[in-house]
Amino acid sequence: MHVESAETESSRGAGQSPSRQRRRHARLVAVRSFSSSESKLMNRPRPTYFRNSLDLRDKVQVKILRKRLNLSNGQFAEVVRKSGNSISAIAKEAANEAAKQAAMQAVKEAAVSMPAKAMA
């Protein structure tokens, strides 16, 4: 004897939709357990890249910024030591250093040309 069940308002609970009834009786899905090596890879911190800070471990970023600012390795290291890893601070400090270098060069040229003018 086969009895078909007719779903009525009272059989599924008063005021509950059929989808809620299905969710309540849903089957559990098997959860795959990971081995220790897989879980370490999955829990690895994702590298965070900030557009306004320089990653000093990334050789490509350092090379591109150093060439864009027209600095030698030593000059770039000095600027980064003074200003930190913020790209805008590095650019500002590099501009200040370039202005100081230009002023020193102008003073040296003026000092060299002054005695020549005095003798003439």
PDB file of N, CA and C in Angstrom:
ATOM      1  N   MET A   1       0.840  -1.167   0.000  1.00  0.00           N
ATOM      2  CA  MET A   1       0.000   0.000   0.000  1.00  0.00           C
ATOM      3  C   MET A   1       0.886   1.231   0.000  1.00  0.00           C
ATOM      4  N   HIS A   2       0.748   2.028  -1.008  1.00  0.00           N
ATOM      5  CA  HIS A   2       1.569   3.220  -1.173  1.00  0.00           C
ATOM      6  C   HIS A   2       0.720   4.441  -0.868  1.00  0.00           C
ATOM      7  N   VAL A   3       1.212   5.251   0.071  1.00  0.00           N
ATOM      8  CA  VAL A   3       0.459   6.443   0.441  1.00  0.00           C
ATOM      9  C   VAL A   3       1.263   7.658   0.028  1.00  0.00           C
ATOM     10  N   GLU A   4       0.683   8.515  -0.763  1.00  0.00           N
ATOM     11  CA  GLU A   4       1.343   9.747  -1.145  1.00  0.00           C
ATOM     12  C   GLU A   4       1.024  10.792  -0.104  1.00  0.00           C
ATOM     13  N   SER A   5       2.054  11.515   0.276  1.00  0.00           N
ATOM     14  CA  SER A   5       1.809  12.547   1.278  1.00  0.00           C
ATOM     15  C   SER A   5       1.532  13.855   0.572  1.00  0.00           C
ATOM     16  N   ALA A   6       0.487  14.461   0.966  1.00  0.00           N
ATOM     17  CA  ALA A   6       0.149  15.760   0.403  1.00  0.00           C
ATOM     18  C   ALA A   6       0.659  16.799   1.383  1.00  0.00           C
ATOM     19  N   GLU A   7       1.480  17.688   0.879  1.00  0.00           N
ATOM     20  CA  GLU A   7       2.063  18.692   1.754  1.00  0.00           C
ATOM     21  C   GLU A   7       1.043  19.811   1.942  1.00  0.00           C
ATOM     22  N   THR A   8       0.692  20.019   3.162  1.00  0.00           N
ATOM     23  CA  THR A   8      -0.267  21.076   3.466  1.00  0.00           C
ATOM     24  C   THR A   8       0.411  22.093   4.356  1.00  0.00           C
ATOM     25  N   GLU A   9      -0.292  23.163   4.629  1.00  0.00           N
ATOM     26  CA  GLU A   9       0.232  24.226   5.490  1.00  0.00           C
ATOM     27  C   GLU A   9       0.603  23.665   6.860  1.00  0.00           C
ATOM     28  N   SER A  10      -0.214  22.772   7.393  1.00  0.00           N
ATOM     29  CA  SER A  10       0.041  22.248   8.728  1.00  0.00           C
ATOM     30  C   SER A  10       1.199  21.256   8.734  1.00  0.00           C
ATOM     31  N   SER A  11       1.431  20.530   7.625  1.00  0.00           N
ATOM     32  CA  SER A  11       2.488  19.530   7.615  1.00  0.00           C
ATOM     33  C   SER A  11       3.875  20.158   7.535  1.00  0.00           C
ATOM     34  N   ARG A  12       4.003  21.328   6.958  1.00  0.00           N
ATOM     35  CA  ARG A  12       5.323  21.935   6.853  1.00  0.00           C
ATOM     36  C   ARG A  12       5.560  22.999   7.910  1.00  0.00           C
ATOM     37  N   GLY A  13       4.604  23.264   8.724  1.00  0.00           N
ATOM     38  CA  GLY A  13       4.772  24.260   9.771  1.00  0.00           C
ATOM     39  C   GLY A  13       4.038  25.529   9.395  1.00  0.00           C
ATOM     40  N   ALA A  14       3.405  26.090  10.345  1.00  0.00           N
ATOM     41  CA  ALA A  14       2.588  27.270  10.074  1.00  0.00           C
ATOM     42  C   ALA A  14       3.463  28.451   9.704  1.00  0.00           C
ATOM     43  N   GLY A  15       3.172  29.037   8.566  1.00  0.00           N
ATOM     44  CA  GLY A  15       3.860  30.247   8.149  1.00  0.00           C
ATOM     45  C   GLY A  15       5.240  30.029   7.545  1.00  0.00           C
ATOM     46  N   GLN A  16       5.674  28.777   7.341  1.00  0.00           N
ATOM     47  CA  GLN A  16       6.999  28.526   6.776  1.00  0.00           C
ATOM     48  C   GLN A  16       6.867  28.183   5.300  1.00  0.00           C
ATOM     49  N   SER A  17       7.769  28.688   4.529  1.00  0.00           N
ATOM     50  CA  SER A  17       7.740  28.413   3.097  1.00  0.00           C
ATOM     51  C   SER A  17       8.317  27.034   2.815  1.00  0.00           C
ATOM     52  N   PRO A  18       8.016  26.466   1.649  1.00  0.00           N
ATOM     53  CA  PRO A  18       8.565  25.147   1.307  1.00  0.00           C
ATOM     54  C   PRO A  18      10.087  25.147   1.241  1.00  0.00           C
ATOM     55  N   SER A  19      10.702  26.282   0.851  1.00  0.00           N
ATOM     56  CA  SER A  19      12.164  26.316   0.772  1.00  0.00           C
ATOM     57  C   SER A  19      12.790  26.194   2.151  1.00  0.00           C
ATOM     58  N   ARG A  20      12.160  26.785   3.161  1.00  0.00           N
ATOM     59  CA  ARG A  20      12.677  26.673   4.519  1.00  0.00           C
ATOM     60  C   ARG A  20      12.595  25.232   4.989  1.00  0.00           C
ATOM     61  N   GLN A  21      11.507  24.553   4.619  1.00  0.00           N
ATOM     62  CA  GLN A  21      11.347  23.150   4.982  1.00  0.00           C
ATOM     63  C   GLN A  21      12.458  22.328   4.358  1.00  0.00           C
ATOM     64  N   ARG A  22      12.784  22.600   3.080  1.00  0.00           N
ATOM     65  CA  ARG A  22      13.849  21.864   2.418  1.00  0.00           C
ATOM     66  C   ARG A  22      15.191  22.126   3.084  1.00  0.00           C
ATOM     67  N   ARG A  23      15.439  23.369   3.466  1.00  0.00           N
ATOM     68  CA  ARG A  23      16.708  23.687   4.122  1.00  0.00           C
ATOM     69  C   ARG A  23      16.851  22.952   5.445  1.00  0.00           C
ATOM     70  N   ARG A  24      15.737  22.801   6.167  1.00  0.00           N
ATOM     71  CA  ARG A  24      15.806  22.153   7.467  1.00  0.00           C
ATOM     72  C   ARG A  24      16.188  20.687   7.331  1.00  0.00           C
ATOM     73  N   HIS A  25      15.758  20.054   6.238  1.00  0.00           N
ATOM     74  CA  HIS A  25      16.019  18.636   6.042  1.00  0.00           C
ATOM     75  C   HIS A  25      17.108  18.394   5.003  1.00  0.00           C
ATOM     76  N   ALA A  26      17.924  19.352   4.788  1.00  0.00           N
ATOM     77  CA  ALA A  26      18.986  19.212   3.787  1.00  0.00           C
ATOM     78  C   ALA A  26      20.025  18.214   4.257  1.00  0.00           C
ATOM     79  N   ARG A  27      20.620  17.533   3.289  1.00  0.00           N
ATOM     80  CA  ARG A  27      21.667  16.569   3.610  1.00  0.00           C
ATOM     81  C   ARG A  27      22.976  17.294   3.858  1.00  0.00           C
ATOM     82  N   LEU A  28      23.803  16.747   4.705  1.00  0.00           N
ATOM     83  CA  LEU A  28      25.121  17.302   4.939  1.00  0.00           C
ATOM     84  C   LEU A  28      26.052  16.861   3.830  1.00  0.00           C
ATOM     85  N   VAL A  29      26.866  17.751   3.367  1.00  0.00           N
ATOM     86  CA  VAL A  29      27.829  17.445   2.323  1.00  0.00           C
ATOM     87  C   VAL A  29      29.129  17.027   2.993  1.00  0.00           C
ATOM     88  N   ALA A  30      29.755  16.011   2.440  1.00  0.00           N
ATOM     89  CA  ALA A  30      31.011  15.538   3.015  1.00  0.00           C
ATOM     90  C   ALA A  30      32.064  16.632   2.917  1.00  0.00           C
ATOM     91  N   VAL A  31      32.786  16.830   3.999  1.00  0.00           N
ATOM     92  CA  VAL A  31      33.832  17.842   4.042  1.00  0.00           C
ATOM     93  C   VAL A  31      35.169  17.142   3.915  1.00  0.00           C
ATOM     94  N   ARG A  32      35.960  17.599   2.971  1.00  0.00           N
ATOM     95  CA  ARG A  32      37.267  16.989   2.728  1.00  0.00           C
ATOM     96  C   ARG A  32      38.260  17.544   3.730  1.00  0.00           C
ATOM     97  N   SER A  33      38.976  16.657   4.385  1.00  0.00           N
ATOM     98  CA  SER A  33      40.014  17.125   5.306  1.00  0.00           C
ATOM     99  C   SER A  33      41.320  17.256   4.530  1.00  0.00           C
ATOM    100  N   PHE A  34      42.083  18.285   4.830  1.00  0.00           N
ATOM    101  CA  PHE A  34      43.323  18.556   4.126  1.00  0.00           C
ATOM    102  C   PHE A  34      44.501  17.996   4.905  1.00  0.00           C
ATOM    103  N   SER A  35      45.514  17.601   4.173  1.00  0.00           N
ATOM    104  CA  SER A  35      46.726  17.159   4.836  1.00  0.00           C
ATOM    105  C   SER A  35      47.439  18.375   5.400  1.00  0.00           C
ATOM    106  N   SER A  36      48.437  18.153   6.210  1.00  0.00           N
ATOM    107  CA  SER A  36      49.117  19.273   6.869  1.00  0.00           C
ATOM    108  C   SER A  36      49.812  20.189   5.864  1.00  0.00           C
ATOM    109  N   SER A  37      50.378  19.629   4.790  1.00  0.00           N
ATOM    110  CA  SER A  37      51.058  20.481   3.802  1.00  0.00           C
ATOM    111  C   SER A  37      50.055  21.330   3.034  1.00  0.00           C
ATOM    112  N   GLU A  38      48.875  20.775   2.730  1.00  0.00           N
ATOM    113  CA  GLU A  38      47.862  21.540   2.027  1.00  0.00           C
ATOM    114  C   GLU A  38      47.308  22.656   2.899  1.00  0.00           C
ATOM    115  N   SER A  39      47.128  22.367   4.181  1.00  0.00           N
ATOM    116  CA  SER A  39      46.563  23.391   5.058  1.00  0.00           C
ATOM    117  C   SER A  39      47.555  24.531   5.273  1.00  0.00           C
ATOM    118  N   LYS A  40      48.853  24.225   5.273  1.00  0.00           N
ATOM    119  CA  LYS A  40      49.850  25.289   5.409  1.00  0.00           C
ATOM    120  C   LYS A  40      49.823  26.207   4.201  1.00  0.00           C
ATOM    121  N   LEU A  41      49.637  25.615   3.003  1.00  0.00           N
ATOM    122  CA  LEU A  41      49.565  26.429   1.803  1.00  0.00           C
ATOM    123  C   LEU A  41      48.308  27.285   1.792  1.00  0.00           C
ATOM    124  N   MET A  42      47.246  26.749   2.294  1.00  0.00           N
ATOM    125  CA  MET A  42      45.994  27.502   2.269  1.00  0.00           C
ATOM    126  C   MET A  42      45.980  28.601   3.322  1.00  0.00           C
ATOM    127  N   ASN A  43      46.701  28.423   4.409  1.00  0.00           N
ATOM    128  CA  ASN A  43      46.714  29.415   5.473  1.00  0.00           C
ATOM    129  C   ASN A  43      47.848  30.419   5.328  1.00  0.00           C
ATOM    130  N   ARG A  44      48.573  30.340   4.224  1.00  0.00           N
ATOM    131  CA  ARG A  44      49.687  31.265   3.988  1.00  0.00           C
ATOM    132  C   ARG A  44      49.129  32.678   3.832  1.00  0.00           C
ATOM    133  N   PRO A  45      49.750  33.653   4.481  1.00  0.00           N
ATOM    134  CA  PRO A  45      49.233  35.018   4.321  1.00  0.00           C
ATOM    135  C   PRO A  45      49.405  35.500   2.893  1.00  0.00           C
ATOM    136  N   ARG A  46      48.378  36.091   2.379  1.00  0.00           N
ATOM    137  CA  ARG A  46      48.395  36.597   1.007  1.00  0.00           C
ATOM    138  C   ARG A  46      49.216  37.881   0.972  1.00  0.00           C
ATOM    139  N   PRO A  47      50.104  38.022   0.000  1.00  0.00           N
ATOM    140  CA  PRO A  47      50.907  39.251  -0.050  1.00  0.00           C
ATOM    141  C   PRO A  47      50.021  40.460  -0.294  1.00  0.00           C
ATOM    142  N   THR A  48      50.271  41.488   0.478  1.00  0.00           N
ATOM    143  CA  THR A  48      49.493  42.706   0.310  1.00  0.00           C
ATOM    144  C   THR A  48      50.354  43.733  -0.394  1.00  0.00           C
ATOM    145  N   TYR A  49      49.854  44.208  -1.498  1.00  0.00           N
ATOM    146  CA  TYR A  49      50.570  45.202  -2.270  1.00  0.00           C
ATOM    147  C   TYR A  49      49.867  46.537  -2.107  1.00  0.00           C
ATOM    148  N   PHE A  50      50.606  47.504  -1.675  1.00  0.00           N
ATOM    149  CA  PHE A  50      50.065  48.835  -1.533  1.00  0.00           C
ATOM    150  C   PHE A  50      50.639  49.679  -2.651  1.00  0.00           C
ATOM    151  N   ARG A  51      49.814  50.476  -3.253  1.00  0.00           N
ATOM    152  CA  ARG A  51      50.252  51.265  -4.393  1.00  0.00           C
ATOM    153  C   ARG A  51      51.164  52.403  -3.975  1.00  0.00           C
ATOM    154  N   ASN A  52      51.106  52.810  -2.708  1.00  0.00           N
ATOM    155  CA  ASN A  52      51.884  53.967  -2.283  1.00  0.00           C
ATOM    156  C   ASN A  52      53.073  53.610  -1.408  1.00  0.00           C
ATOM    157  N   SER A  53      53.367  52.331  -1.263  1.00  0.00           N
ATOM    158  CA  SER A  53      54.541  51.951  -0.478  1.00  0.00           C
ATOM    159  C   SER A  53      55.424  51.014  -1.299  1.00  0.00           C
ATOM    160  N   LEU A  54      56.699  51.103  -1.039  1.00  0.00           N
ATOM    161  CA  LEU A  54      57.691  50.340  -1.789  1.00  0.00           C
ATOM    162  C   LEU A  54      58.041  49.083  -1.024  1.00  0.00           C
ATOM    163  N   ASP A  55      57.974  47.936  -1.685  1.00  0.00           N
ATOM    164  CA  ASP A  55      58.416  46.683  -1.085  1.00  0.00           C
ATOM    165  C   ASP A  55      59.903  46.545  -1.385  1.00  0.00           C
ATOM    166  N   LEU A  56      60.736  46.746  -0.393  1.00  0.00           N
ATOM    167  CA  LEU A  56      62.184  46.738  -0.600  1.00  0.00           C
ATOM    168  C   LEU A  56      62.720  45.345  -0.915  1.00  0.00           C
ATOM    169  N   ARG A  57      61.919  44.304  -0.679  1.00  0.00           N
ATOM    170  CA  ARG A  57      62.348  42.945  -1.020  1.00  0.00           C
ATOM    171  C   ARG A  57      62.150  42.641  -2.494  1.00  0.00           C
ATOM    172  N   ASP A  58      61.320  43.457  -3.162  1.00  0.00           N
ATOM    173  CA  ASP A  58      61.041  43.249  -4.586  1.00  0.00           C
ATOM    174  C   ASP A  58      62.047  44.044  -5.407  1.00  0.00           C
ATOM    175  N   LYS A  59      62.979  43.327  -6.035  1.00  0.00           N
ATOM    176  CA  LYS A  59      64.059  43.976  -6.790  1.00  0.00           C
ATOM    177  C   LYS A  59      63.542  44.793  -7.966  1.00  0.00           C
ATOM    178  N   VAL A  60      62.456  44.330  -8.578  1.00  0.00           N
ATOM    179  CA  VAL A  60      61.916  45.027  -9.747  1.00  0.00           C
ATOM    180  C   VAL A  60      61.352  46.387  -9.345  1.00  0.00           C
ATOM    181  N   GLN A  61      60.589  46.425  -8.235  1.00  0.00           N
ATOM    182  CA  GLN A  61      60.046  47.694  -7.764  1.00  0.00           C
ATOM    183  C   GLN A  61      61.164  48.674  -7.441  1.00  0.00           C
ATOM    184  N   VAL A  62      62.189  48.207  -6.765  1.00  0.00           N
ATOM    185  CA  VAL A  62      63.307  49.069  -6.374  1.00  0.00           C
ATOM    186  C   VAL A  62      64.013  49.603  -7.625  1.00  0.00           C
ATOM    187  N   LYS A  63      64.269  48.724  -8.576  1.00  0.00           N
ATOM    188  CA  LYS A  63      64.979  49.129  -9.792  1.00  0.00           C
ATOM    189  C   LYS A  63      64.175  50.157 -10.592  1.00  0.00           C
ATOM    190  N   ILE A  64      62.878  49.923 -10.743  1.00  0.00           N
ATOM    191  CA  ILE A  64      62.039  50.843 -11.510  1.00  0.00           C
ATOM    192  C   ILE A  64      62.003  52.212 -10.857  1.00  0.00           C
ATOM    193  N   LEU A  65      61.801  52.261  -9.543  1.00  0.00           N
ATOM    194  CA  LEU A  65      61.723  53.553  -8.853  1.00  0.00           C
ATOM    195  C   LEU A  65      63.072  54.263  -8.854  1.00  0.00           C
ATOM    196  N   ARG A  66      64.144  53.507  -8.659  1.00  0.00           N
ATOM    197  CA  ARG A  66      65.483  54.113  -8.650  1.00  0.00           C
ATOM    198  C   ARG A  66      65.812  54.729 -10.007  1.00  0.00           C
ATOM    199  N   LYS A  67      65.462  54.019 -11.077  1.00  0.00           N
ATOM    200  CA  LYS A  67      65.729  54.556 -12.418  1.00  0.00           C
ATOM    201  C   LYS A  67      64.827  55.743 -12.738  1.00  0.00           C
ATOM    202  N   ARG A  68      63.566  55.698 -12.273  1.00  0.00           N
ATOM    203  CA  ARG A  68      62.656  56.806 -12.516  1.00  0.00           C
ATOM    204  C   ARG A  68      63.136  58.083 -11.830  1.00  0.00           C
ATOM    205  N   LEU A  69      63.763  57.935 -10.660  1.00  0.00           N
ATOM    206  CA  LEU A  69      64.259  59.088  -9.915  1.00  0.00           C
ATOM    207  C   LEU A  69      65.690  59.464 -10.298  1.00  0.00           C
ATOM    208  N   ASN A  70      66.298  58.707 -11.194  1.00  0.00           N
ATOM    209  CA  ASN A  70      67.683  58.939 -11.642  1.00  0.00           C
ATOM    210  C   ASN A  70      68.661  58.982 -10.464  1.00  0.00           C
ATOM    211  N   LEU A  71      68.622  57.949  -9.651  1.00  0.00           N
ATOM    212  CA  LEU A  71      69.507  57.861  -8.487  1.00  0.00           C
ATOM    213  C   LEU A  71      70.401  56.643  -8.609  1.00  0.00           C
ATOM    214  N   SER A  72      71.593  56.758  -8.032  1.00  0.00           N
ATOM    215  CA  SER A  72      72.483  55.591  -7.968  1.00  0.00           C
ATOM    216  C   SER A  72      72.016  54.697  -6.821  1.00  0.00           C
ATOM    217  N   ASN A  73      72.613  53.519  -6.721  1.00  0.00           N
ATOM    218  CA  ASN A  73      72.239  52.606  -5.640  1.00  0.00           C
ATOM    219  C   ASN A  73      72.476  53.227  -4.270  1.00  0.00           C
ATOM    220  N   GLY A  74      73.615  53.859  -4.102  1.00  0.00           N
ATOM    221  CA  GLY A  74      73.943  54.486  -2.819  1.00  0.00           C
ATOM    222  C   GLY A  74      73.020  55.649  -2.487  1.00  0.00           C
ATOM    223  N   GLN A  75      72.739  56.484  -3.483  1.00  0.00           N
ATOM    224  CA  GLN A  75      71.837  57.610  -3.257  1.00  0.00           C
ATOM    225  C   GLN A  75      70.431  57.119  -2.914  1.00  0.00           C
ATOM    226  N   PHE A  76      69.980  56.091  -3.625  1.00  0.00           N
ATOM    227  CA  PHE A  76      68.646  55.553  -3.366  1.00  0.00           C
ATOM    228  C   PHE A  76      68.566  54.963  -1.962  1.00  0.00           C
ATOM    229  N   ALA A  77      69.599  54.235  -1.541  1.00  0.00           N
ATOM    230  CA  ALA A  77      69.611  53.656  -0.201  1.00  0.00           C
ATOM    231  C   ALA A  77      69.566  54.751   0.861  1.00  0.00           C
ATOM    232  N   GLU A  78      70.289  55.836   0.634  1.00  0.00           N
ATOM    233  CA  GLU A  78      70.299  56.956   1.587  1.00  0.00           C
ATOM    234  C   GLU A  78      68.926  57.618   1.672  1.00  0.00           C
ATOM    235  N   VAL A  79      68.290  57.819   0.526  1.00  0.00           N
ATOM    236  CA  VAL A  79      66.963  58.438   0.505  1.00  0.00           C
ATOM    237  C   VAL A  79      65.939  57.554   1.215  1.00  0.00           C
ATOM    238  N   VAL A  80      65.985  56.251   0.957  1.00  0.00           N
ATOM    239  CA  VAL A  80      65.043  55.324   1.600  1.00  0.00           C
ATOM    240  C   VAL A  80      65.304  55.263   3.095  1.00  0.00           C
ATOM    241  N   ARG A  81      66.567  55.313   3.492  1.00  0.00           N
ATOM    242  CA  ARG A  81      66.893  55.302   4.921  1.00  0.00           C
ATOM    243  C   ARG A  81      66.308  56.520   5.610  1.00  0.00           C
ATOM    244  N   LYS A  82      66.364  57.675   4.955  1.00  0.00           N
ATOM    245  CA  LYS A  82      65.847  58.905   5.546  1.00  0.00           C
ATOM    246  C   LYS A  82      64.322  58.961   5.561  1.00  0.00           C
ATOM    247  N   SER A  83      63.701  58.550   4.446  1.00  0.00           N
ATOM    248  CA  SER A  83      62.265  58.808   4.290  1.00  0.00           C
ATOM    249  C   SER A  83      61.353  57.615   4.559  1.00  0.00           C
ATOM    250  N   GLY A  84      61.856  56.408   4.531  1.00  0.00           N
ATOM    251  CA  GLY A  84      61.008  55.236   4.725  1.00  0.00           C
ATOM    252  C   GLY A  84      60.607  54.623   3.404  1.00  0.00           C
ATOM    253  N   ASN A  85      59.537  53.788   3.425  1.00  0.00           N
ATOM    254  CA  ASN A  85      59.180  53.065   2.209  1.00  0.00           C
ATOM    255  C   ASN A  85      58.007  53.679   1.450  1.00  0.00           C
ATOM    256  N   SER A  86      57.573  54.861   1.825  1.00  0.00           N
ATOM    257  CA  SER A  86      56.503  55.539   1.098  1.00  0.00           C
ATOM    258  C   SER A  86      57.061  56.115  -0.201  1.00  0.00           C
ATOM    259  N   ILE A  87      56.409  55.792  -1.314  1.00  0.00           N
ATOM    260  CA  ILE A  87      56.915  56.219  -2.617  1.00  0.00           C
ATOM    261  C   ILE A  87      56.882  57.736  -2.740  1.00  0.00           C
ATOM    262  N   SER A  88      55.828  58.368  -2.237  1.00  0.00           N
ATOM    263  CA  SER A  88      55.753  59.832  -2.323  1.00  0.00           C
ATOM    264  C   SER A  88      56.826  60.483  -1.462  1.00  0.00           C
ATOM    265  N   ALA A  89      57.100  59.917  -0.285  1.00  0.00           N
ATOM    266  CA  ALA A  89      58.156  60.467   0.571  1.00  0.00           C
ATOM    267  C   ALA A  89      59.528  60.271  -0.065  1.00  0.00           C
ATOM    268  N   ILE A  90      59.731  59.140  -0.721  1.00  0.00           N
ATOM    269  CA  ILE A  90      61.001  58.878  -1.400  1.00  0.00           C
ATOM    270  C   ILE A  90      61.194  59.873  -2.540  1.00  0.00           C
ATOM    271  N   ALA A  91      60.128  60.110  -3.327  1.00  0.00           N
ATOM    272  CA  ALA A  91      60.219  61.055  -4.445  1.00  0.00           C
ATOM    273  C   ALA A  91      60.493  62.468  -3.935  1.00  0.00           C
ATOM    274  N   LYS A  92      59.846  62.843  -2.834  1.00  0.00           N
ATOM    275  CA  LYS A  92      60.044  64.184  -2.273  1.00  0.00           C
ATOM    276  C   LYS A  92      61.467  64.345  -1.749  1.00  0.00           C
ATOM    277  N   GLU A  93      61.947  63.332  -1.057  1.00  0.00           N
ATOM    278  CA  GLU A  93      63.317  63.392  -0.519  1.00  0.00           C
ATOM    279  C   GLU A  93      64.338  63.388  -1.651  1.00  0.00           C
ATOM    280  N   ALA A  94      64.074  62.630  -2.712  1.00  0.00           N
ATOM    281  CA  ALA A  94      64.985  62.603  -3.855  1.00  0.00           C
ATOM    282  C   ALA A  94      65.029  63.972  -4.531  1.00  0.00           C
ATOM    283  N   ALA A  95      63.875  64.643  -4.612  1.00  0.00           N
ATOM    284  CA  ALA A  95      63.837  65.985  -5.189  1.00  0.00           C
ATOM    285  C   ALA A  95      64.632  66.963  -4.318  1.00  0.00           C
ATOM    286  N   ASN A  96      64.497  66.832  -3.001  1.00  0.00           N
ATOM    287  CA  ASN A  96      65.269  67.687  -2.083  1.00  0.00           C
ATOM    288  C   ASN A  96      66.766  67.437  -2.232  1.00  0.00           C
ATOM    289  N   GLU A  97      67.138  66.160  -2.339  1.00  0.00           N
ATOM    290  CA  GLU A  97      68.550  65.821  -2.508  1.00  0.00           C
ATOM    291  C   GLU A  97      69.085  66.360  -3.834  1.00  0.00           C
ATOM    292  N   ALA A  98      68.275  66.271  -4.890  1.00  0.00           N
ATOM    293  CA  ALA A  98      68.701  66.782  -6.194  1.00  0.00           C
ATOM    294  C   ALA A  98      68.874  68.299  -6.143  1.00  0.00           C
ATOM    295  N   ALA A  99      67.976  68.990  -5.425  1.00  0.00           N
ATOM    296  CA  ALA A  99      68.089  70.444  -5.286  1.00  0.00           C
ATOM    297  C   ALA A  99      69.346  70.812  -4.501  1.00  0.00           C
ATOM    298  N   LYS A 100      69.647  70.044  -3.457  1.00  0.00           N
ATOM    299  CA  LYS A 100      70.869  70.295  -2.675  1.00  0.00           C
ATOM    300  C   LYS A 100      72.109  70.073  -3.534  1.00  0.00           C
ATOM    301  N   GLN A 101      72.080  68.995  -4.325  1.00  0.00           N
ATOM    302  CA  GLN A 101      73.221  68.689  -5.198  1.00  0.00           C
ATOM    303  C   GLN A 101      73.424  69.815  -6.219  1.00  0.00           C
ATOM    304  N   ALA A 102      72.320  70.313  -6.790  1.00  0.00           N
ATOM    305  CA  ALA A 102      72.410  71.389  -7.779  1.00  0.00           C
ATOM    306  C   ALA A 102      72.929  72.675  -7.136  1.00  0.00           C
ATOM    307  N   ALA A 103      72.486  72.968  -5.914  1.00  0.00           N
ATOM    308  CA  ALA A 103      72.941  74.163  -5.215  1.00  0.00           C
ATOM    309  C   ALA A 103      74.432  74.055  -4.894  1.00  0.00           C
ATOM    310  N   MET A 104      74.860  72.893  -4.455  1.00  0.00           N
ATOM    311  CA  MET A 104      76.287  72.683  -4.145  1.00  0.00           C
ATOM    312  C   MET A 104      77.126  72.821  -5.416  1.00  0.00           C
ATOM    313  N   GLN A 105      76.631  72.294  -6.509  1.00  0.00           N
ATOM    314  CA  GLN A 105      77.351  72.394  -7.784  1.00  0.00           C
ATOM    315  C   GLN A 105      77.444  73.850  -8.228  1.00  0.00           C
ATOM    316  N   ALA A 106      76.368  74.612  -8.050  1.00  0.00           N
ATOM    317  CA  ALA A 106      76.376  76.028  -8.431  1.00  0.00           C
ATOM    318  C   ALA A 106      77.348  76.815  -7.568  1.00  0.00           C
ATOM    319  N   VAL A 107      77.419  76.492  -6.280  1.00  0.00           N
ATOM    320  CA  VAL A 107      78.352  77.173  -5.374  1.00  0.00           C
ATOM    321  C   VAL A 107      79.788  76.854  -5.775  1.00  0.00           C
ATOM    322  N   LYS A 108      80.060  75.609  -6.111  1.00  0.00           N
ATOM    323  CA  LYS A 108      81.412  75.225  -6.522  1.00  0.00           C
ATOM    324  C   LYS A 108      81.812  75.931  -7.816  1.00  0.00           C
ATOM    325  N   GLU A 109      80.892  75.986  -8.777  1.00  0.00           N
ATOM    326  CA  GLU A 109      81.191  76.670 -10.039  1.00  0.00           C
ATOM    327  C   GLU A 109      81.402  78.162  -9.823  1.00  0.00           C
ATOM    328  N   ALA A 110      80.618  78.741  -8.936  1.00  0.00           N
ATOM    329  CA  ALA A 110      80.767  80.168  -8.644  1.00  0.00           C
ATOM    330  C   ALA A 110      82.097  80.435  -7.956  1.00  0.00           C
ATOM    331  N   ALA A 111      82.497  79.540  -7.068  1.00  0.00           N
ATOM    332  CA  ALA A 111      83.757  79.707  -6.353  1.00  0.00           C
ATOM    333  C   ALA A 111      84.940  79.576  -7.312  1.00  0.00           C
ATOM    334  N   VAL A 112      84.832  78.698  -8.284  1.00  0.00           N
ATOM    335  CA  VAL A 112      85.909  78.500  -9.245  1.00  0.00           C
ATOM    336  C   VAL A 112      85.988  79.700 -10.197  1.00  0.00           C
ATOM    337  N   SER A 113      84.851  80.232 -10.614  1.00  0.00           N
ATOM    338  CA  SER A 113      84.856  81.325 -11.570  1.00  0.00           C
ATOM    339  C   SER A 113      85.140  82.681 -10.925  1.00  0.00           C
ATOM    340  N   MET A 114      84.934  82.841  -9.647  1.00  0.00           N
ATOM    341  CA  MET A 114      85.173  84.120  -8.960  1.00  0.00           C
ATOM    342  C   MET A 114      86.631  84.527  -8.987  1.00  0.00           C
ATOM    343  N   PRO A 115      87.588  83.674  -8.611  1.00  0.00           N
ATOM    344  CA  PRO A 115      88.975  84.099  -8.654  1.00  0.00           C
ATOM    345  C   PRO A 115      89.433  84.425 -10.066  1.00  0.00           C
ATOM    346  N   ALA A 116      88.923  83.749 -11.073  1.00  0.00           N
ATOM    347  CA  ALA A 116      89.299  84.036 -12.452  1.00  0.00           C
ATOM    348  C   ALA A 116      88.815  85.429 -12.842  1.00  0.00           C
ATOM    349  N   LYS A 117      87.646  85.830 -12.390  1.00  0.00           N
ATOM    350  CA  LYS A 117      87.119  87.167 -12.696  1.00  0.00           C
ATOM    351  C   LYS A 117      87.914  88.232 -11.932  1.00  0.00           C
ATOM    352  N   ALA A 118      88.341  87.907 -10.721  1.00  0.00           N
ATOM    353  CA  ALA A 118      89.087  88.875  -9.904  1.00  0.00           C
ATOM    354  C   ALA A 118      90.441  89.162 -10.527  1.00  0.00           C
ATOM    355  N   MET A 119      91.060  88.194 -11.165  1.00  0.00           N
ATOM    356  CA  MET A 119      92.379  88.376 -11.767  1.00  0.00           C
ATOM    357  C   MET A 119      92.265  89.177 -13.070  1.00  0.00           C
ATOM    358  N   ALA A 120      91.180  89.094 -13.717  1.00  0.00           N
ATOM    359  CA  ALA A 120      91.034  89.769 -15.014  1.00  0.00           C
ATOM    360  C   ALA A 120      90.812  91.245 -14.892  1.00  0.00           C
TER     361      ALA A 120
END
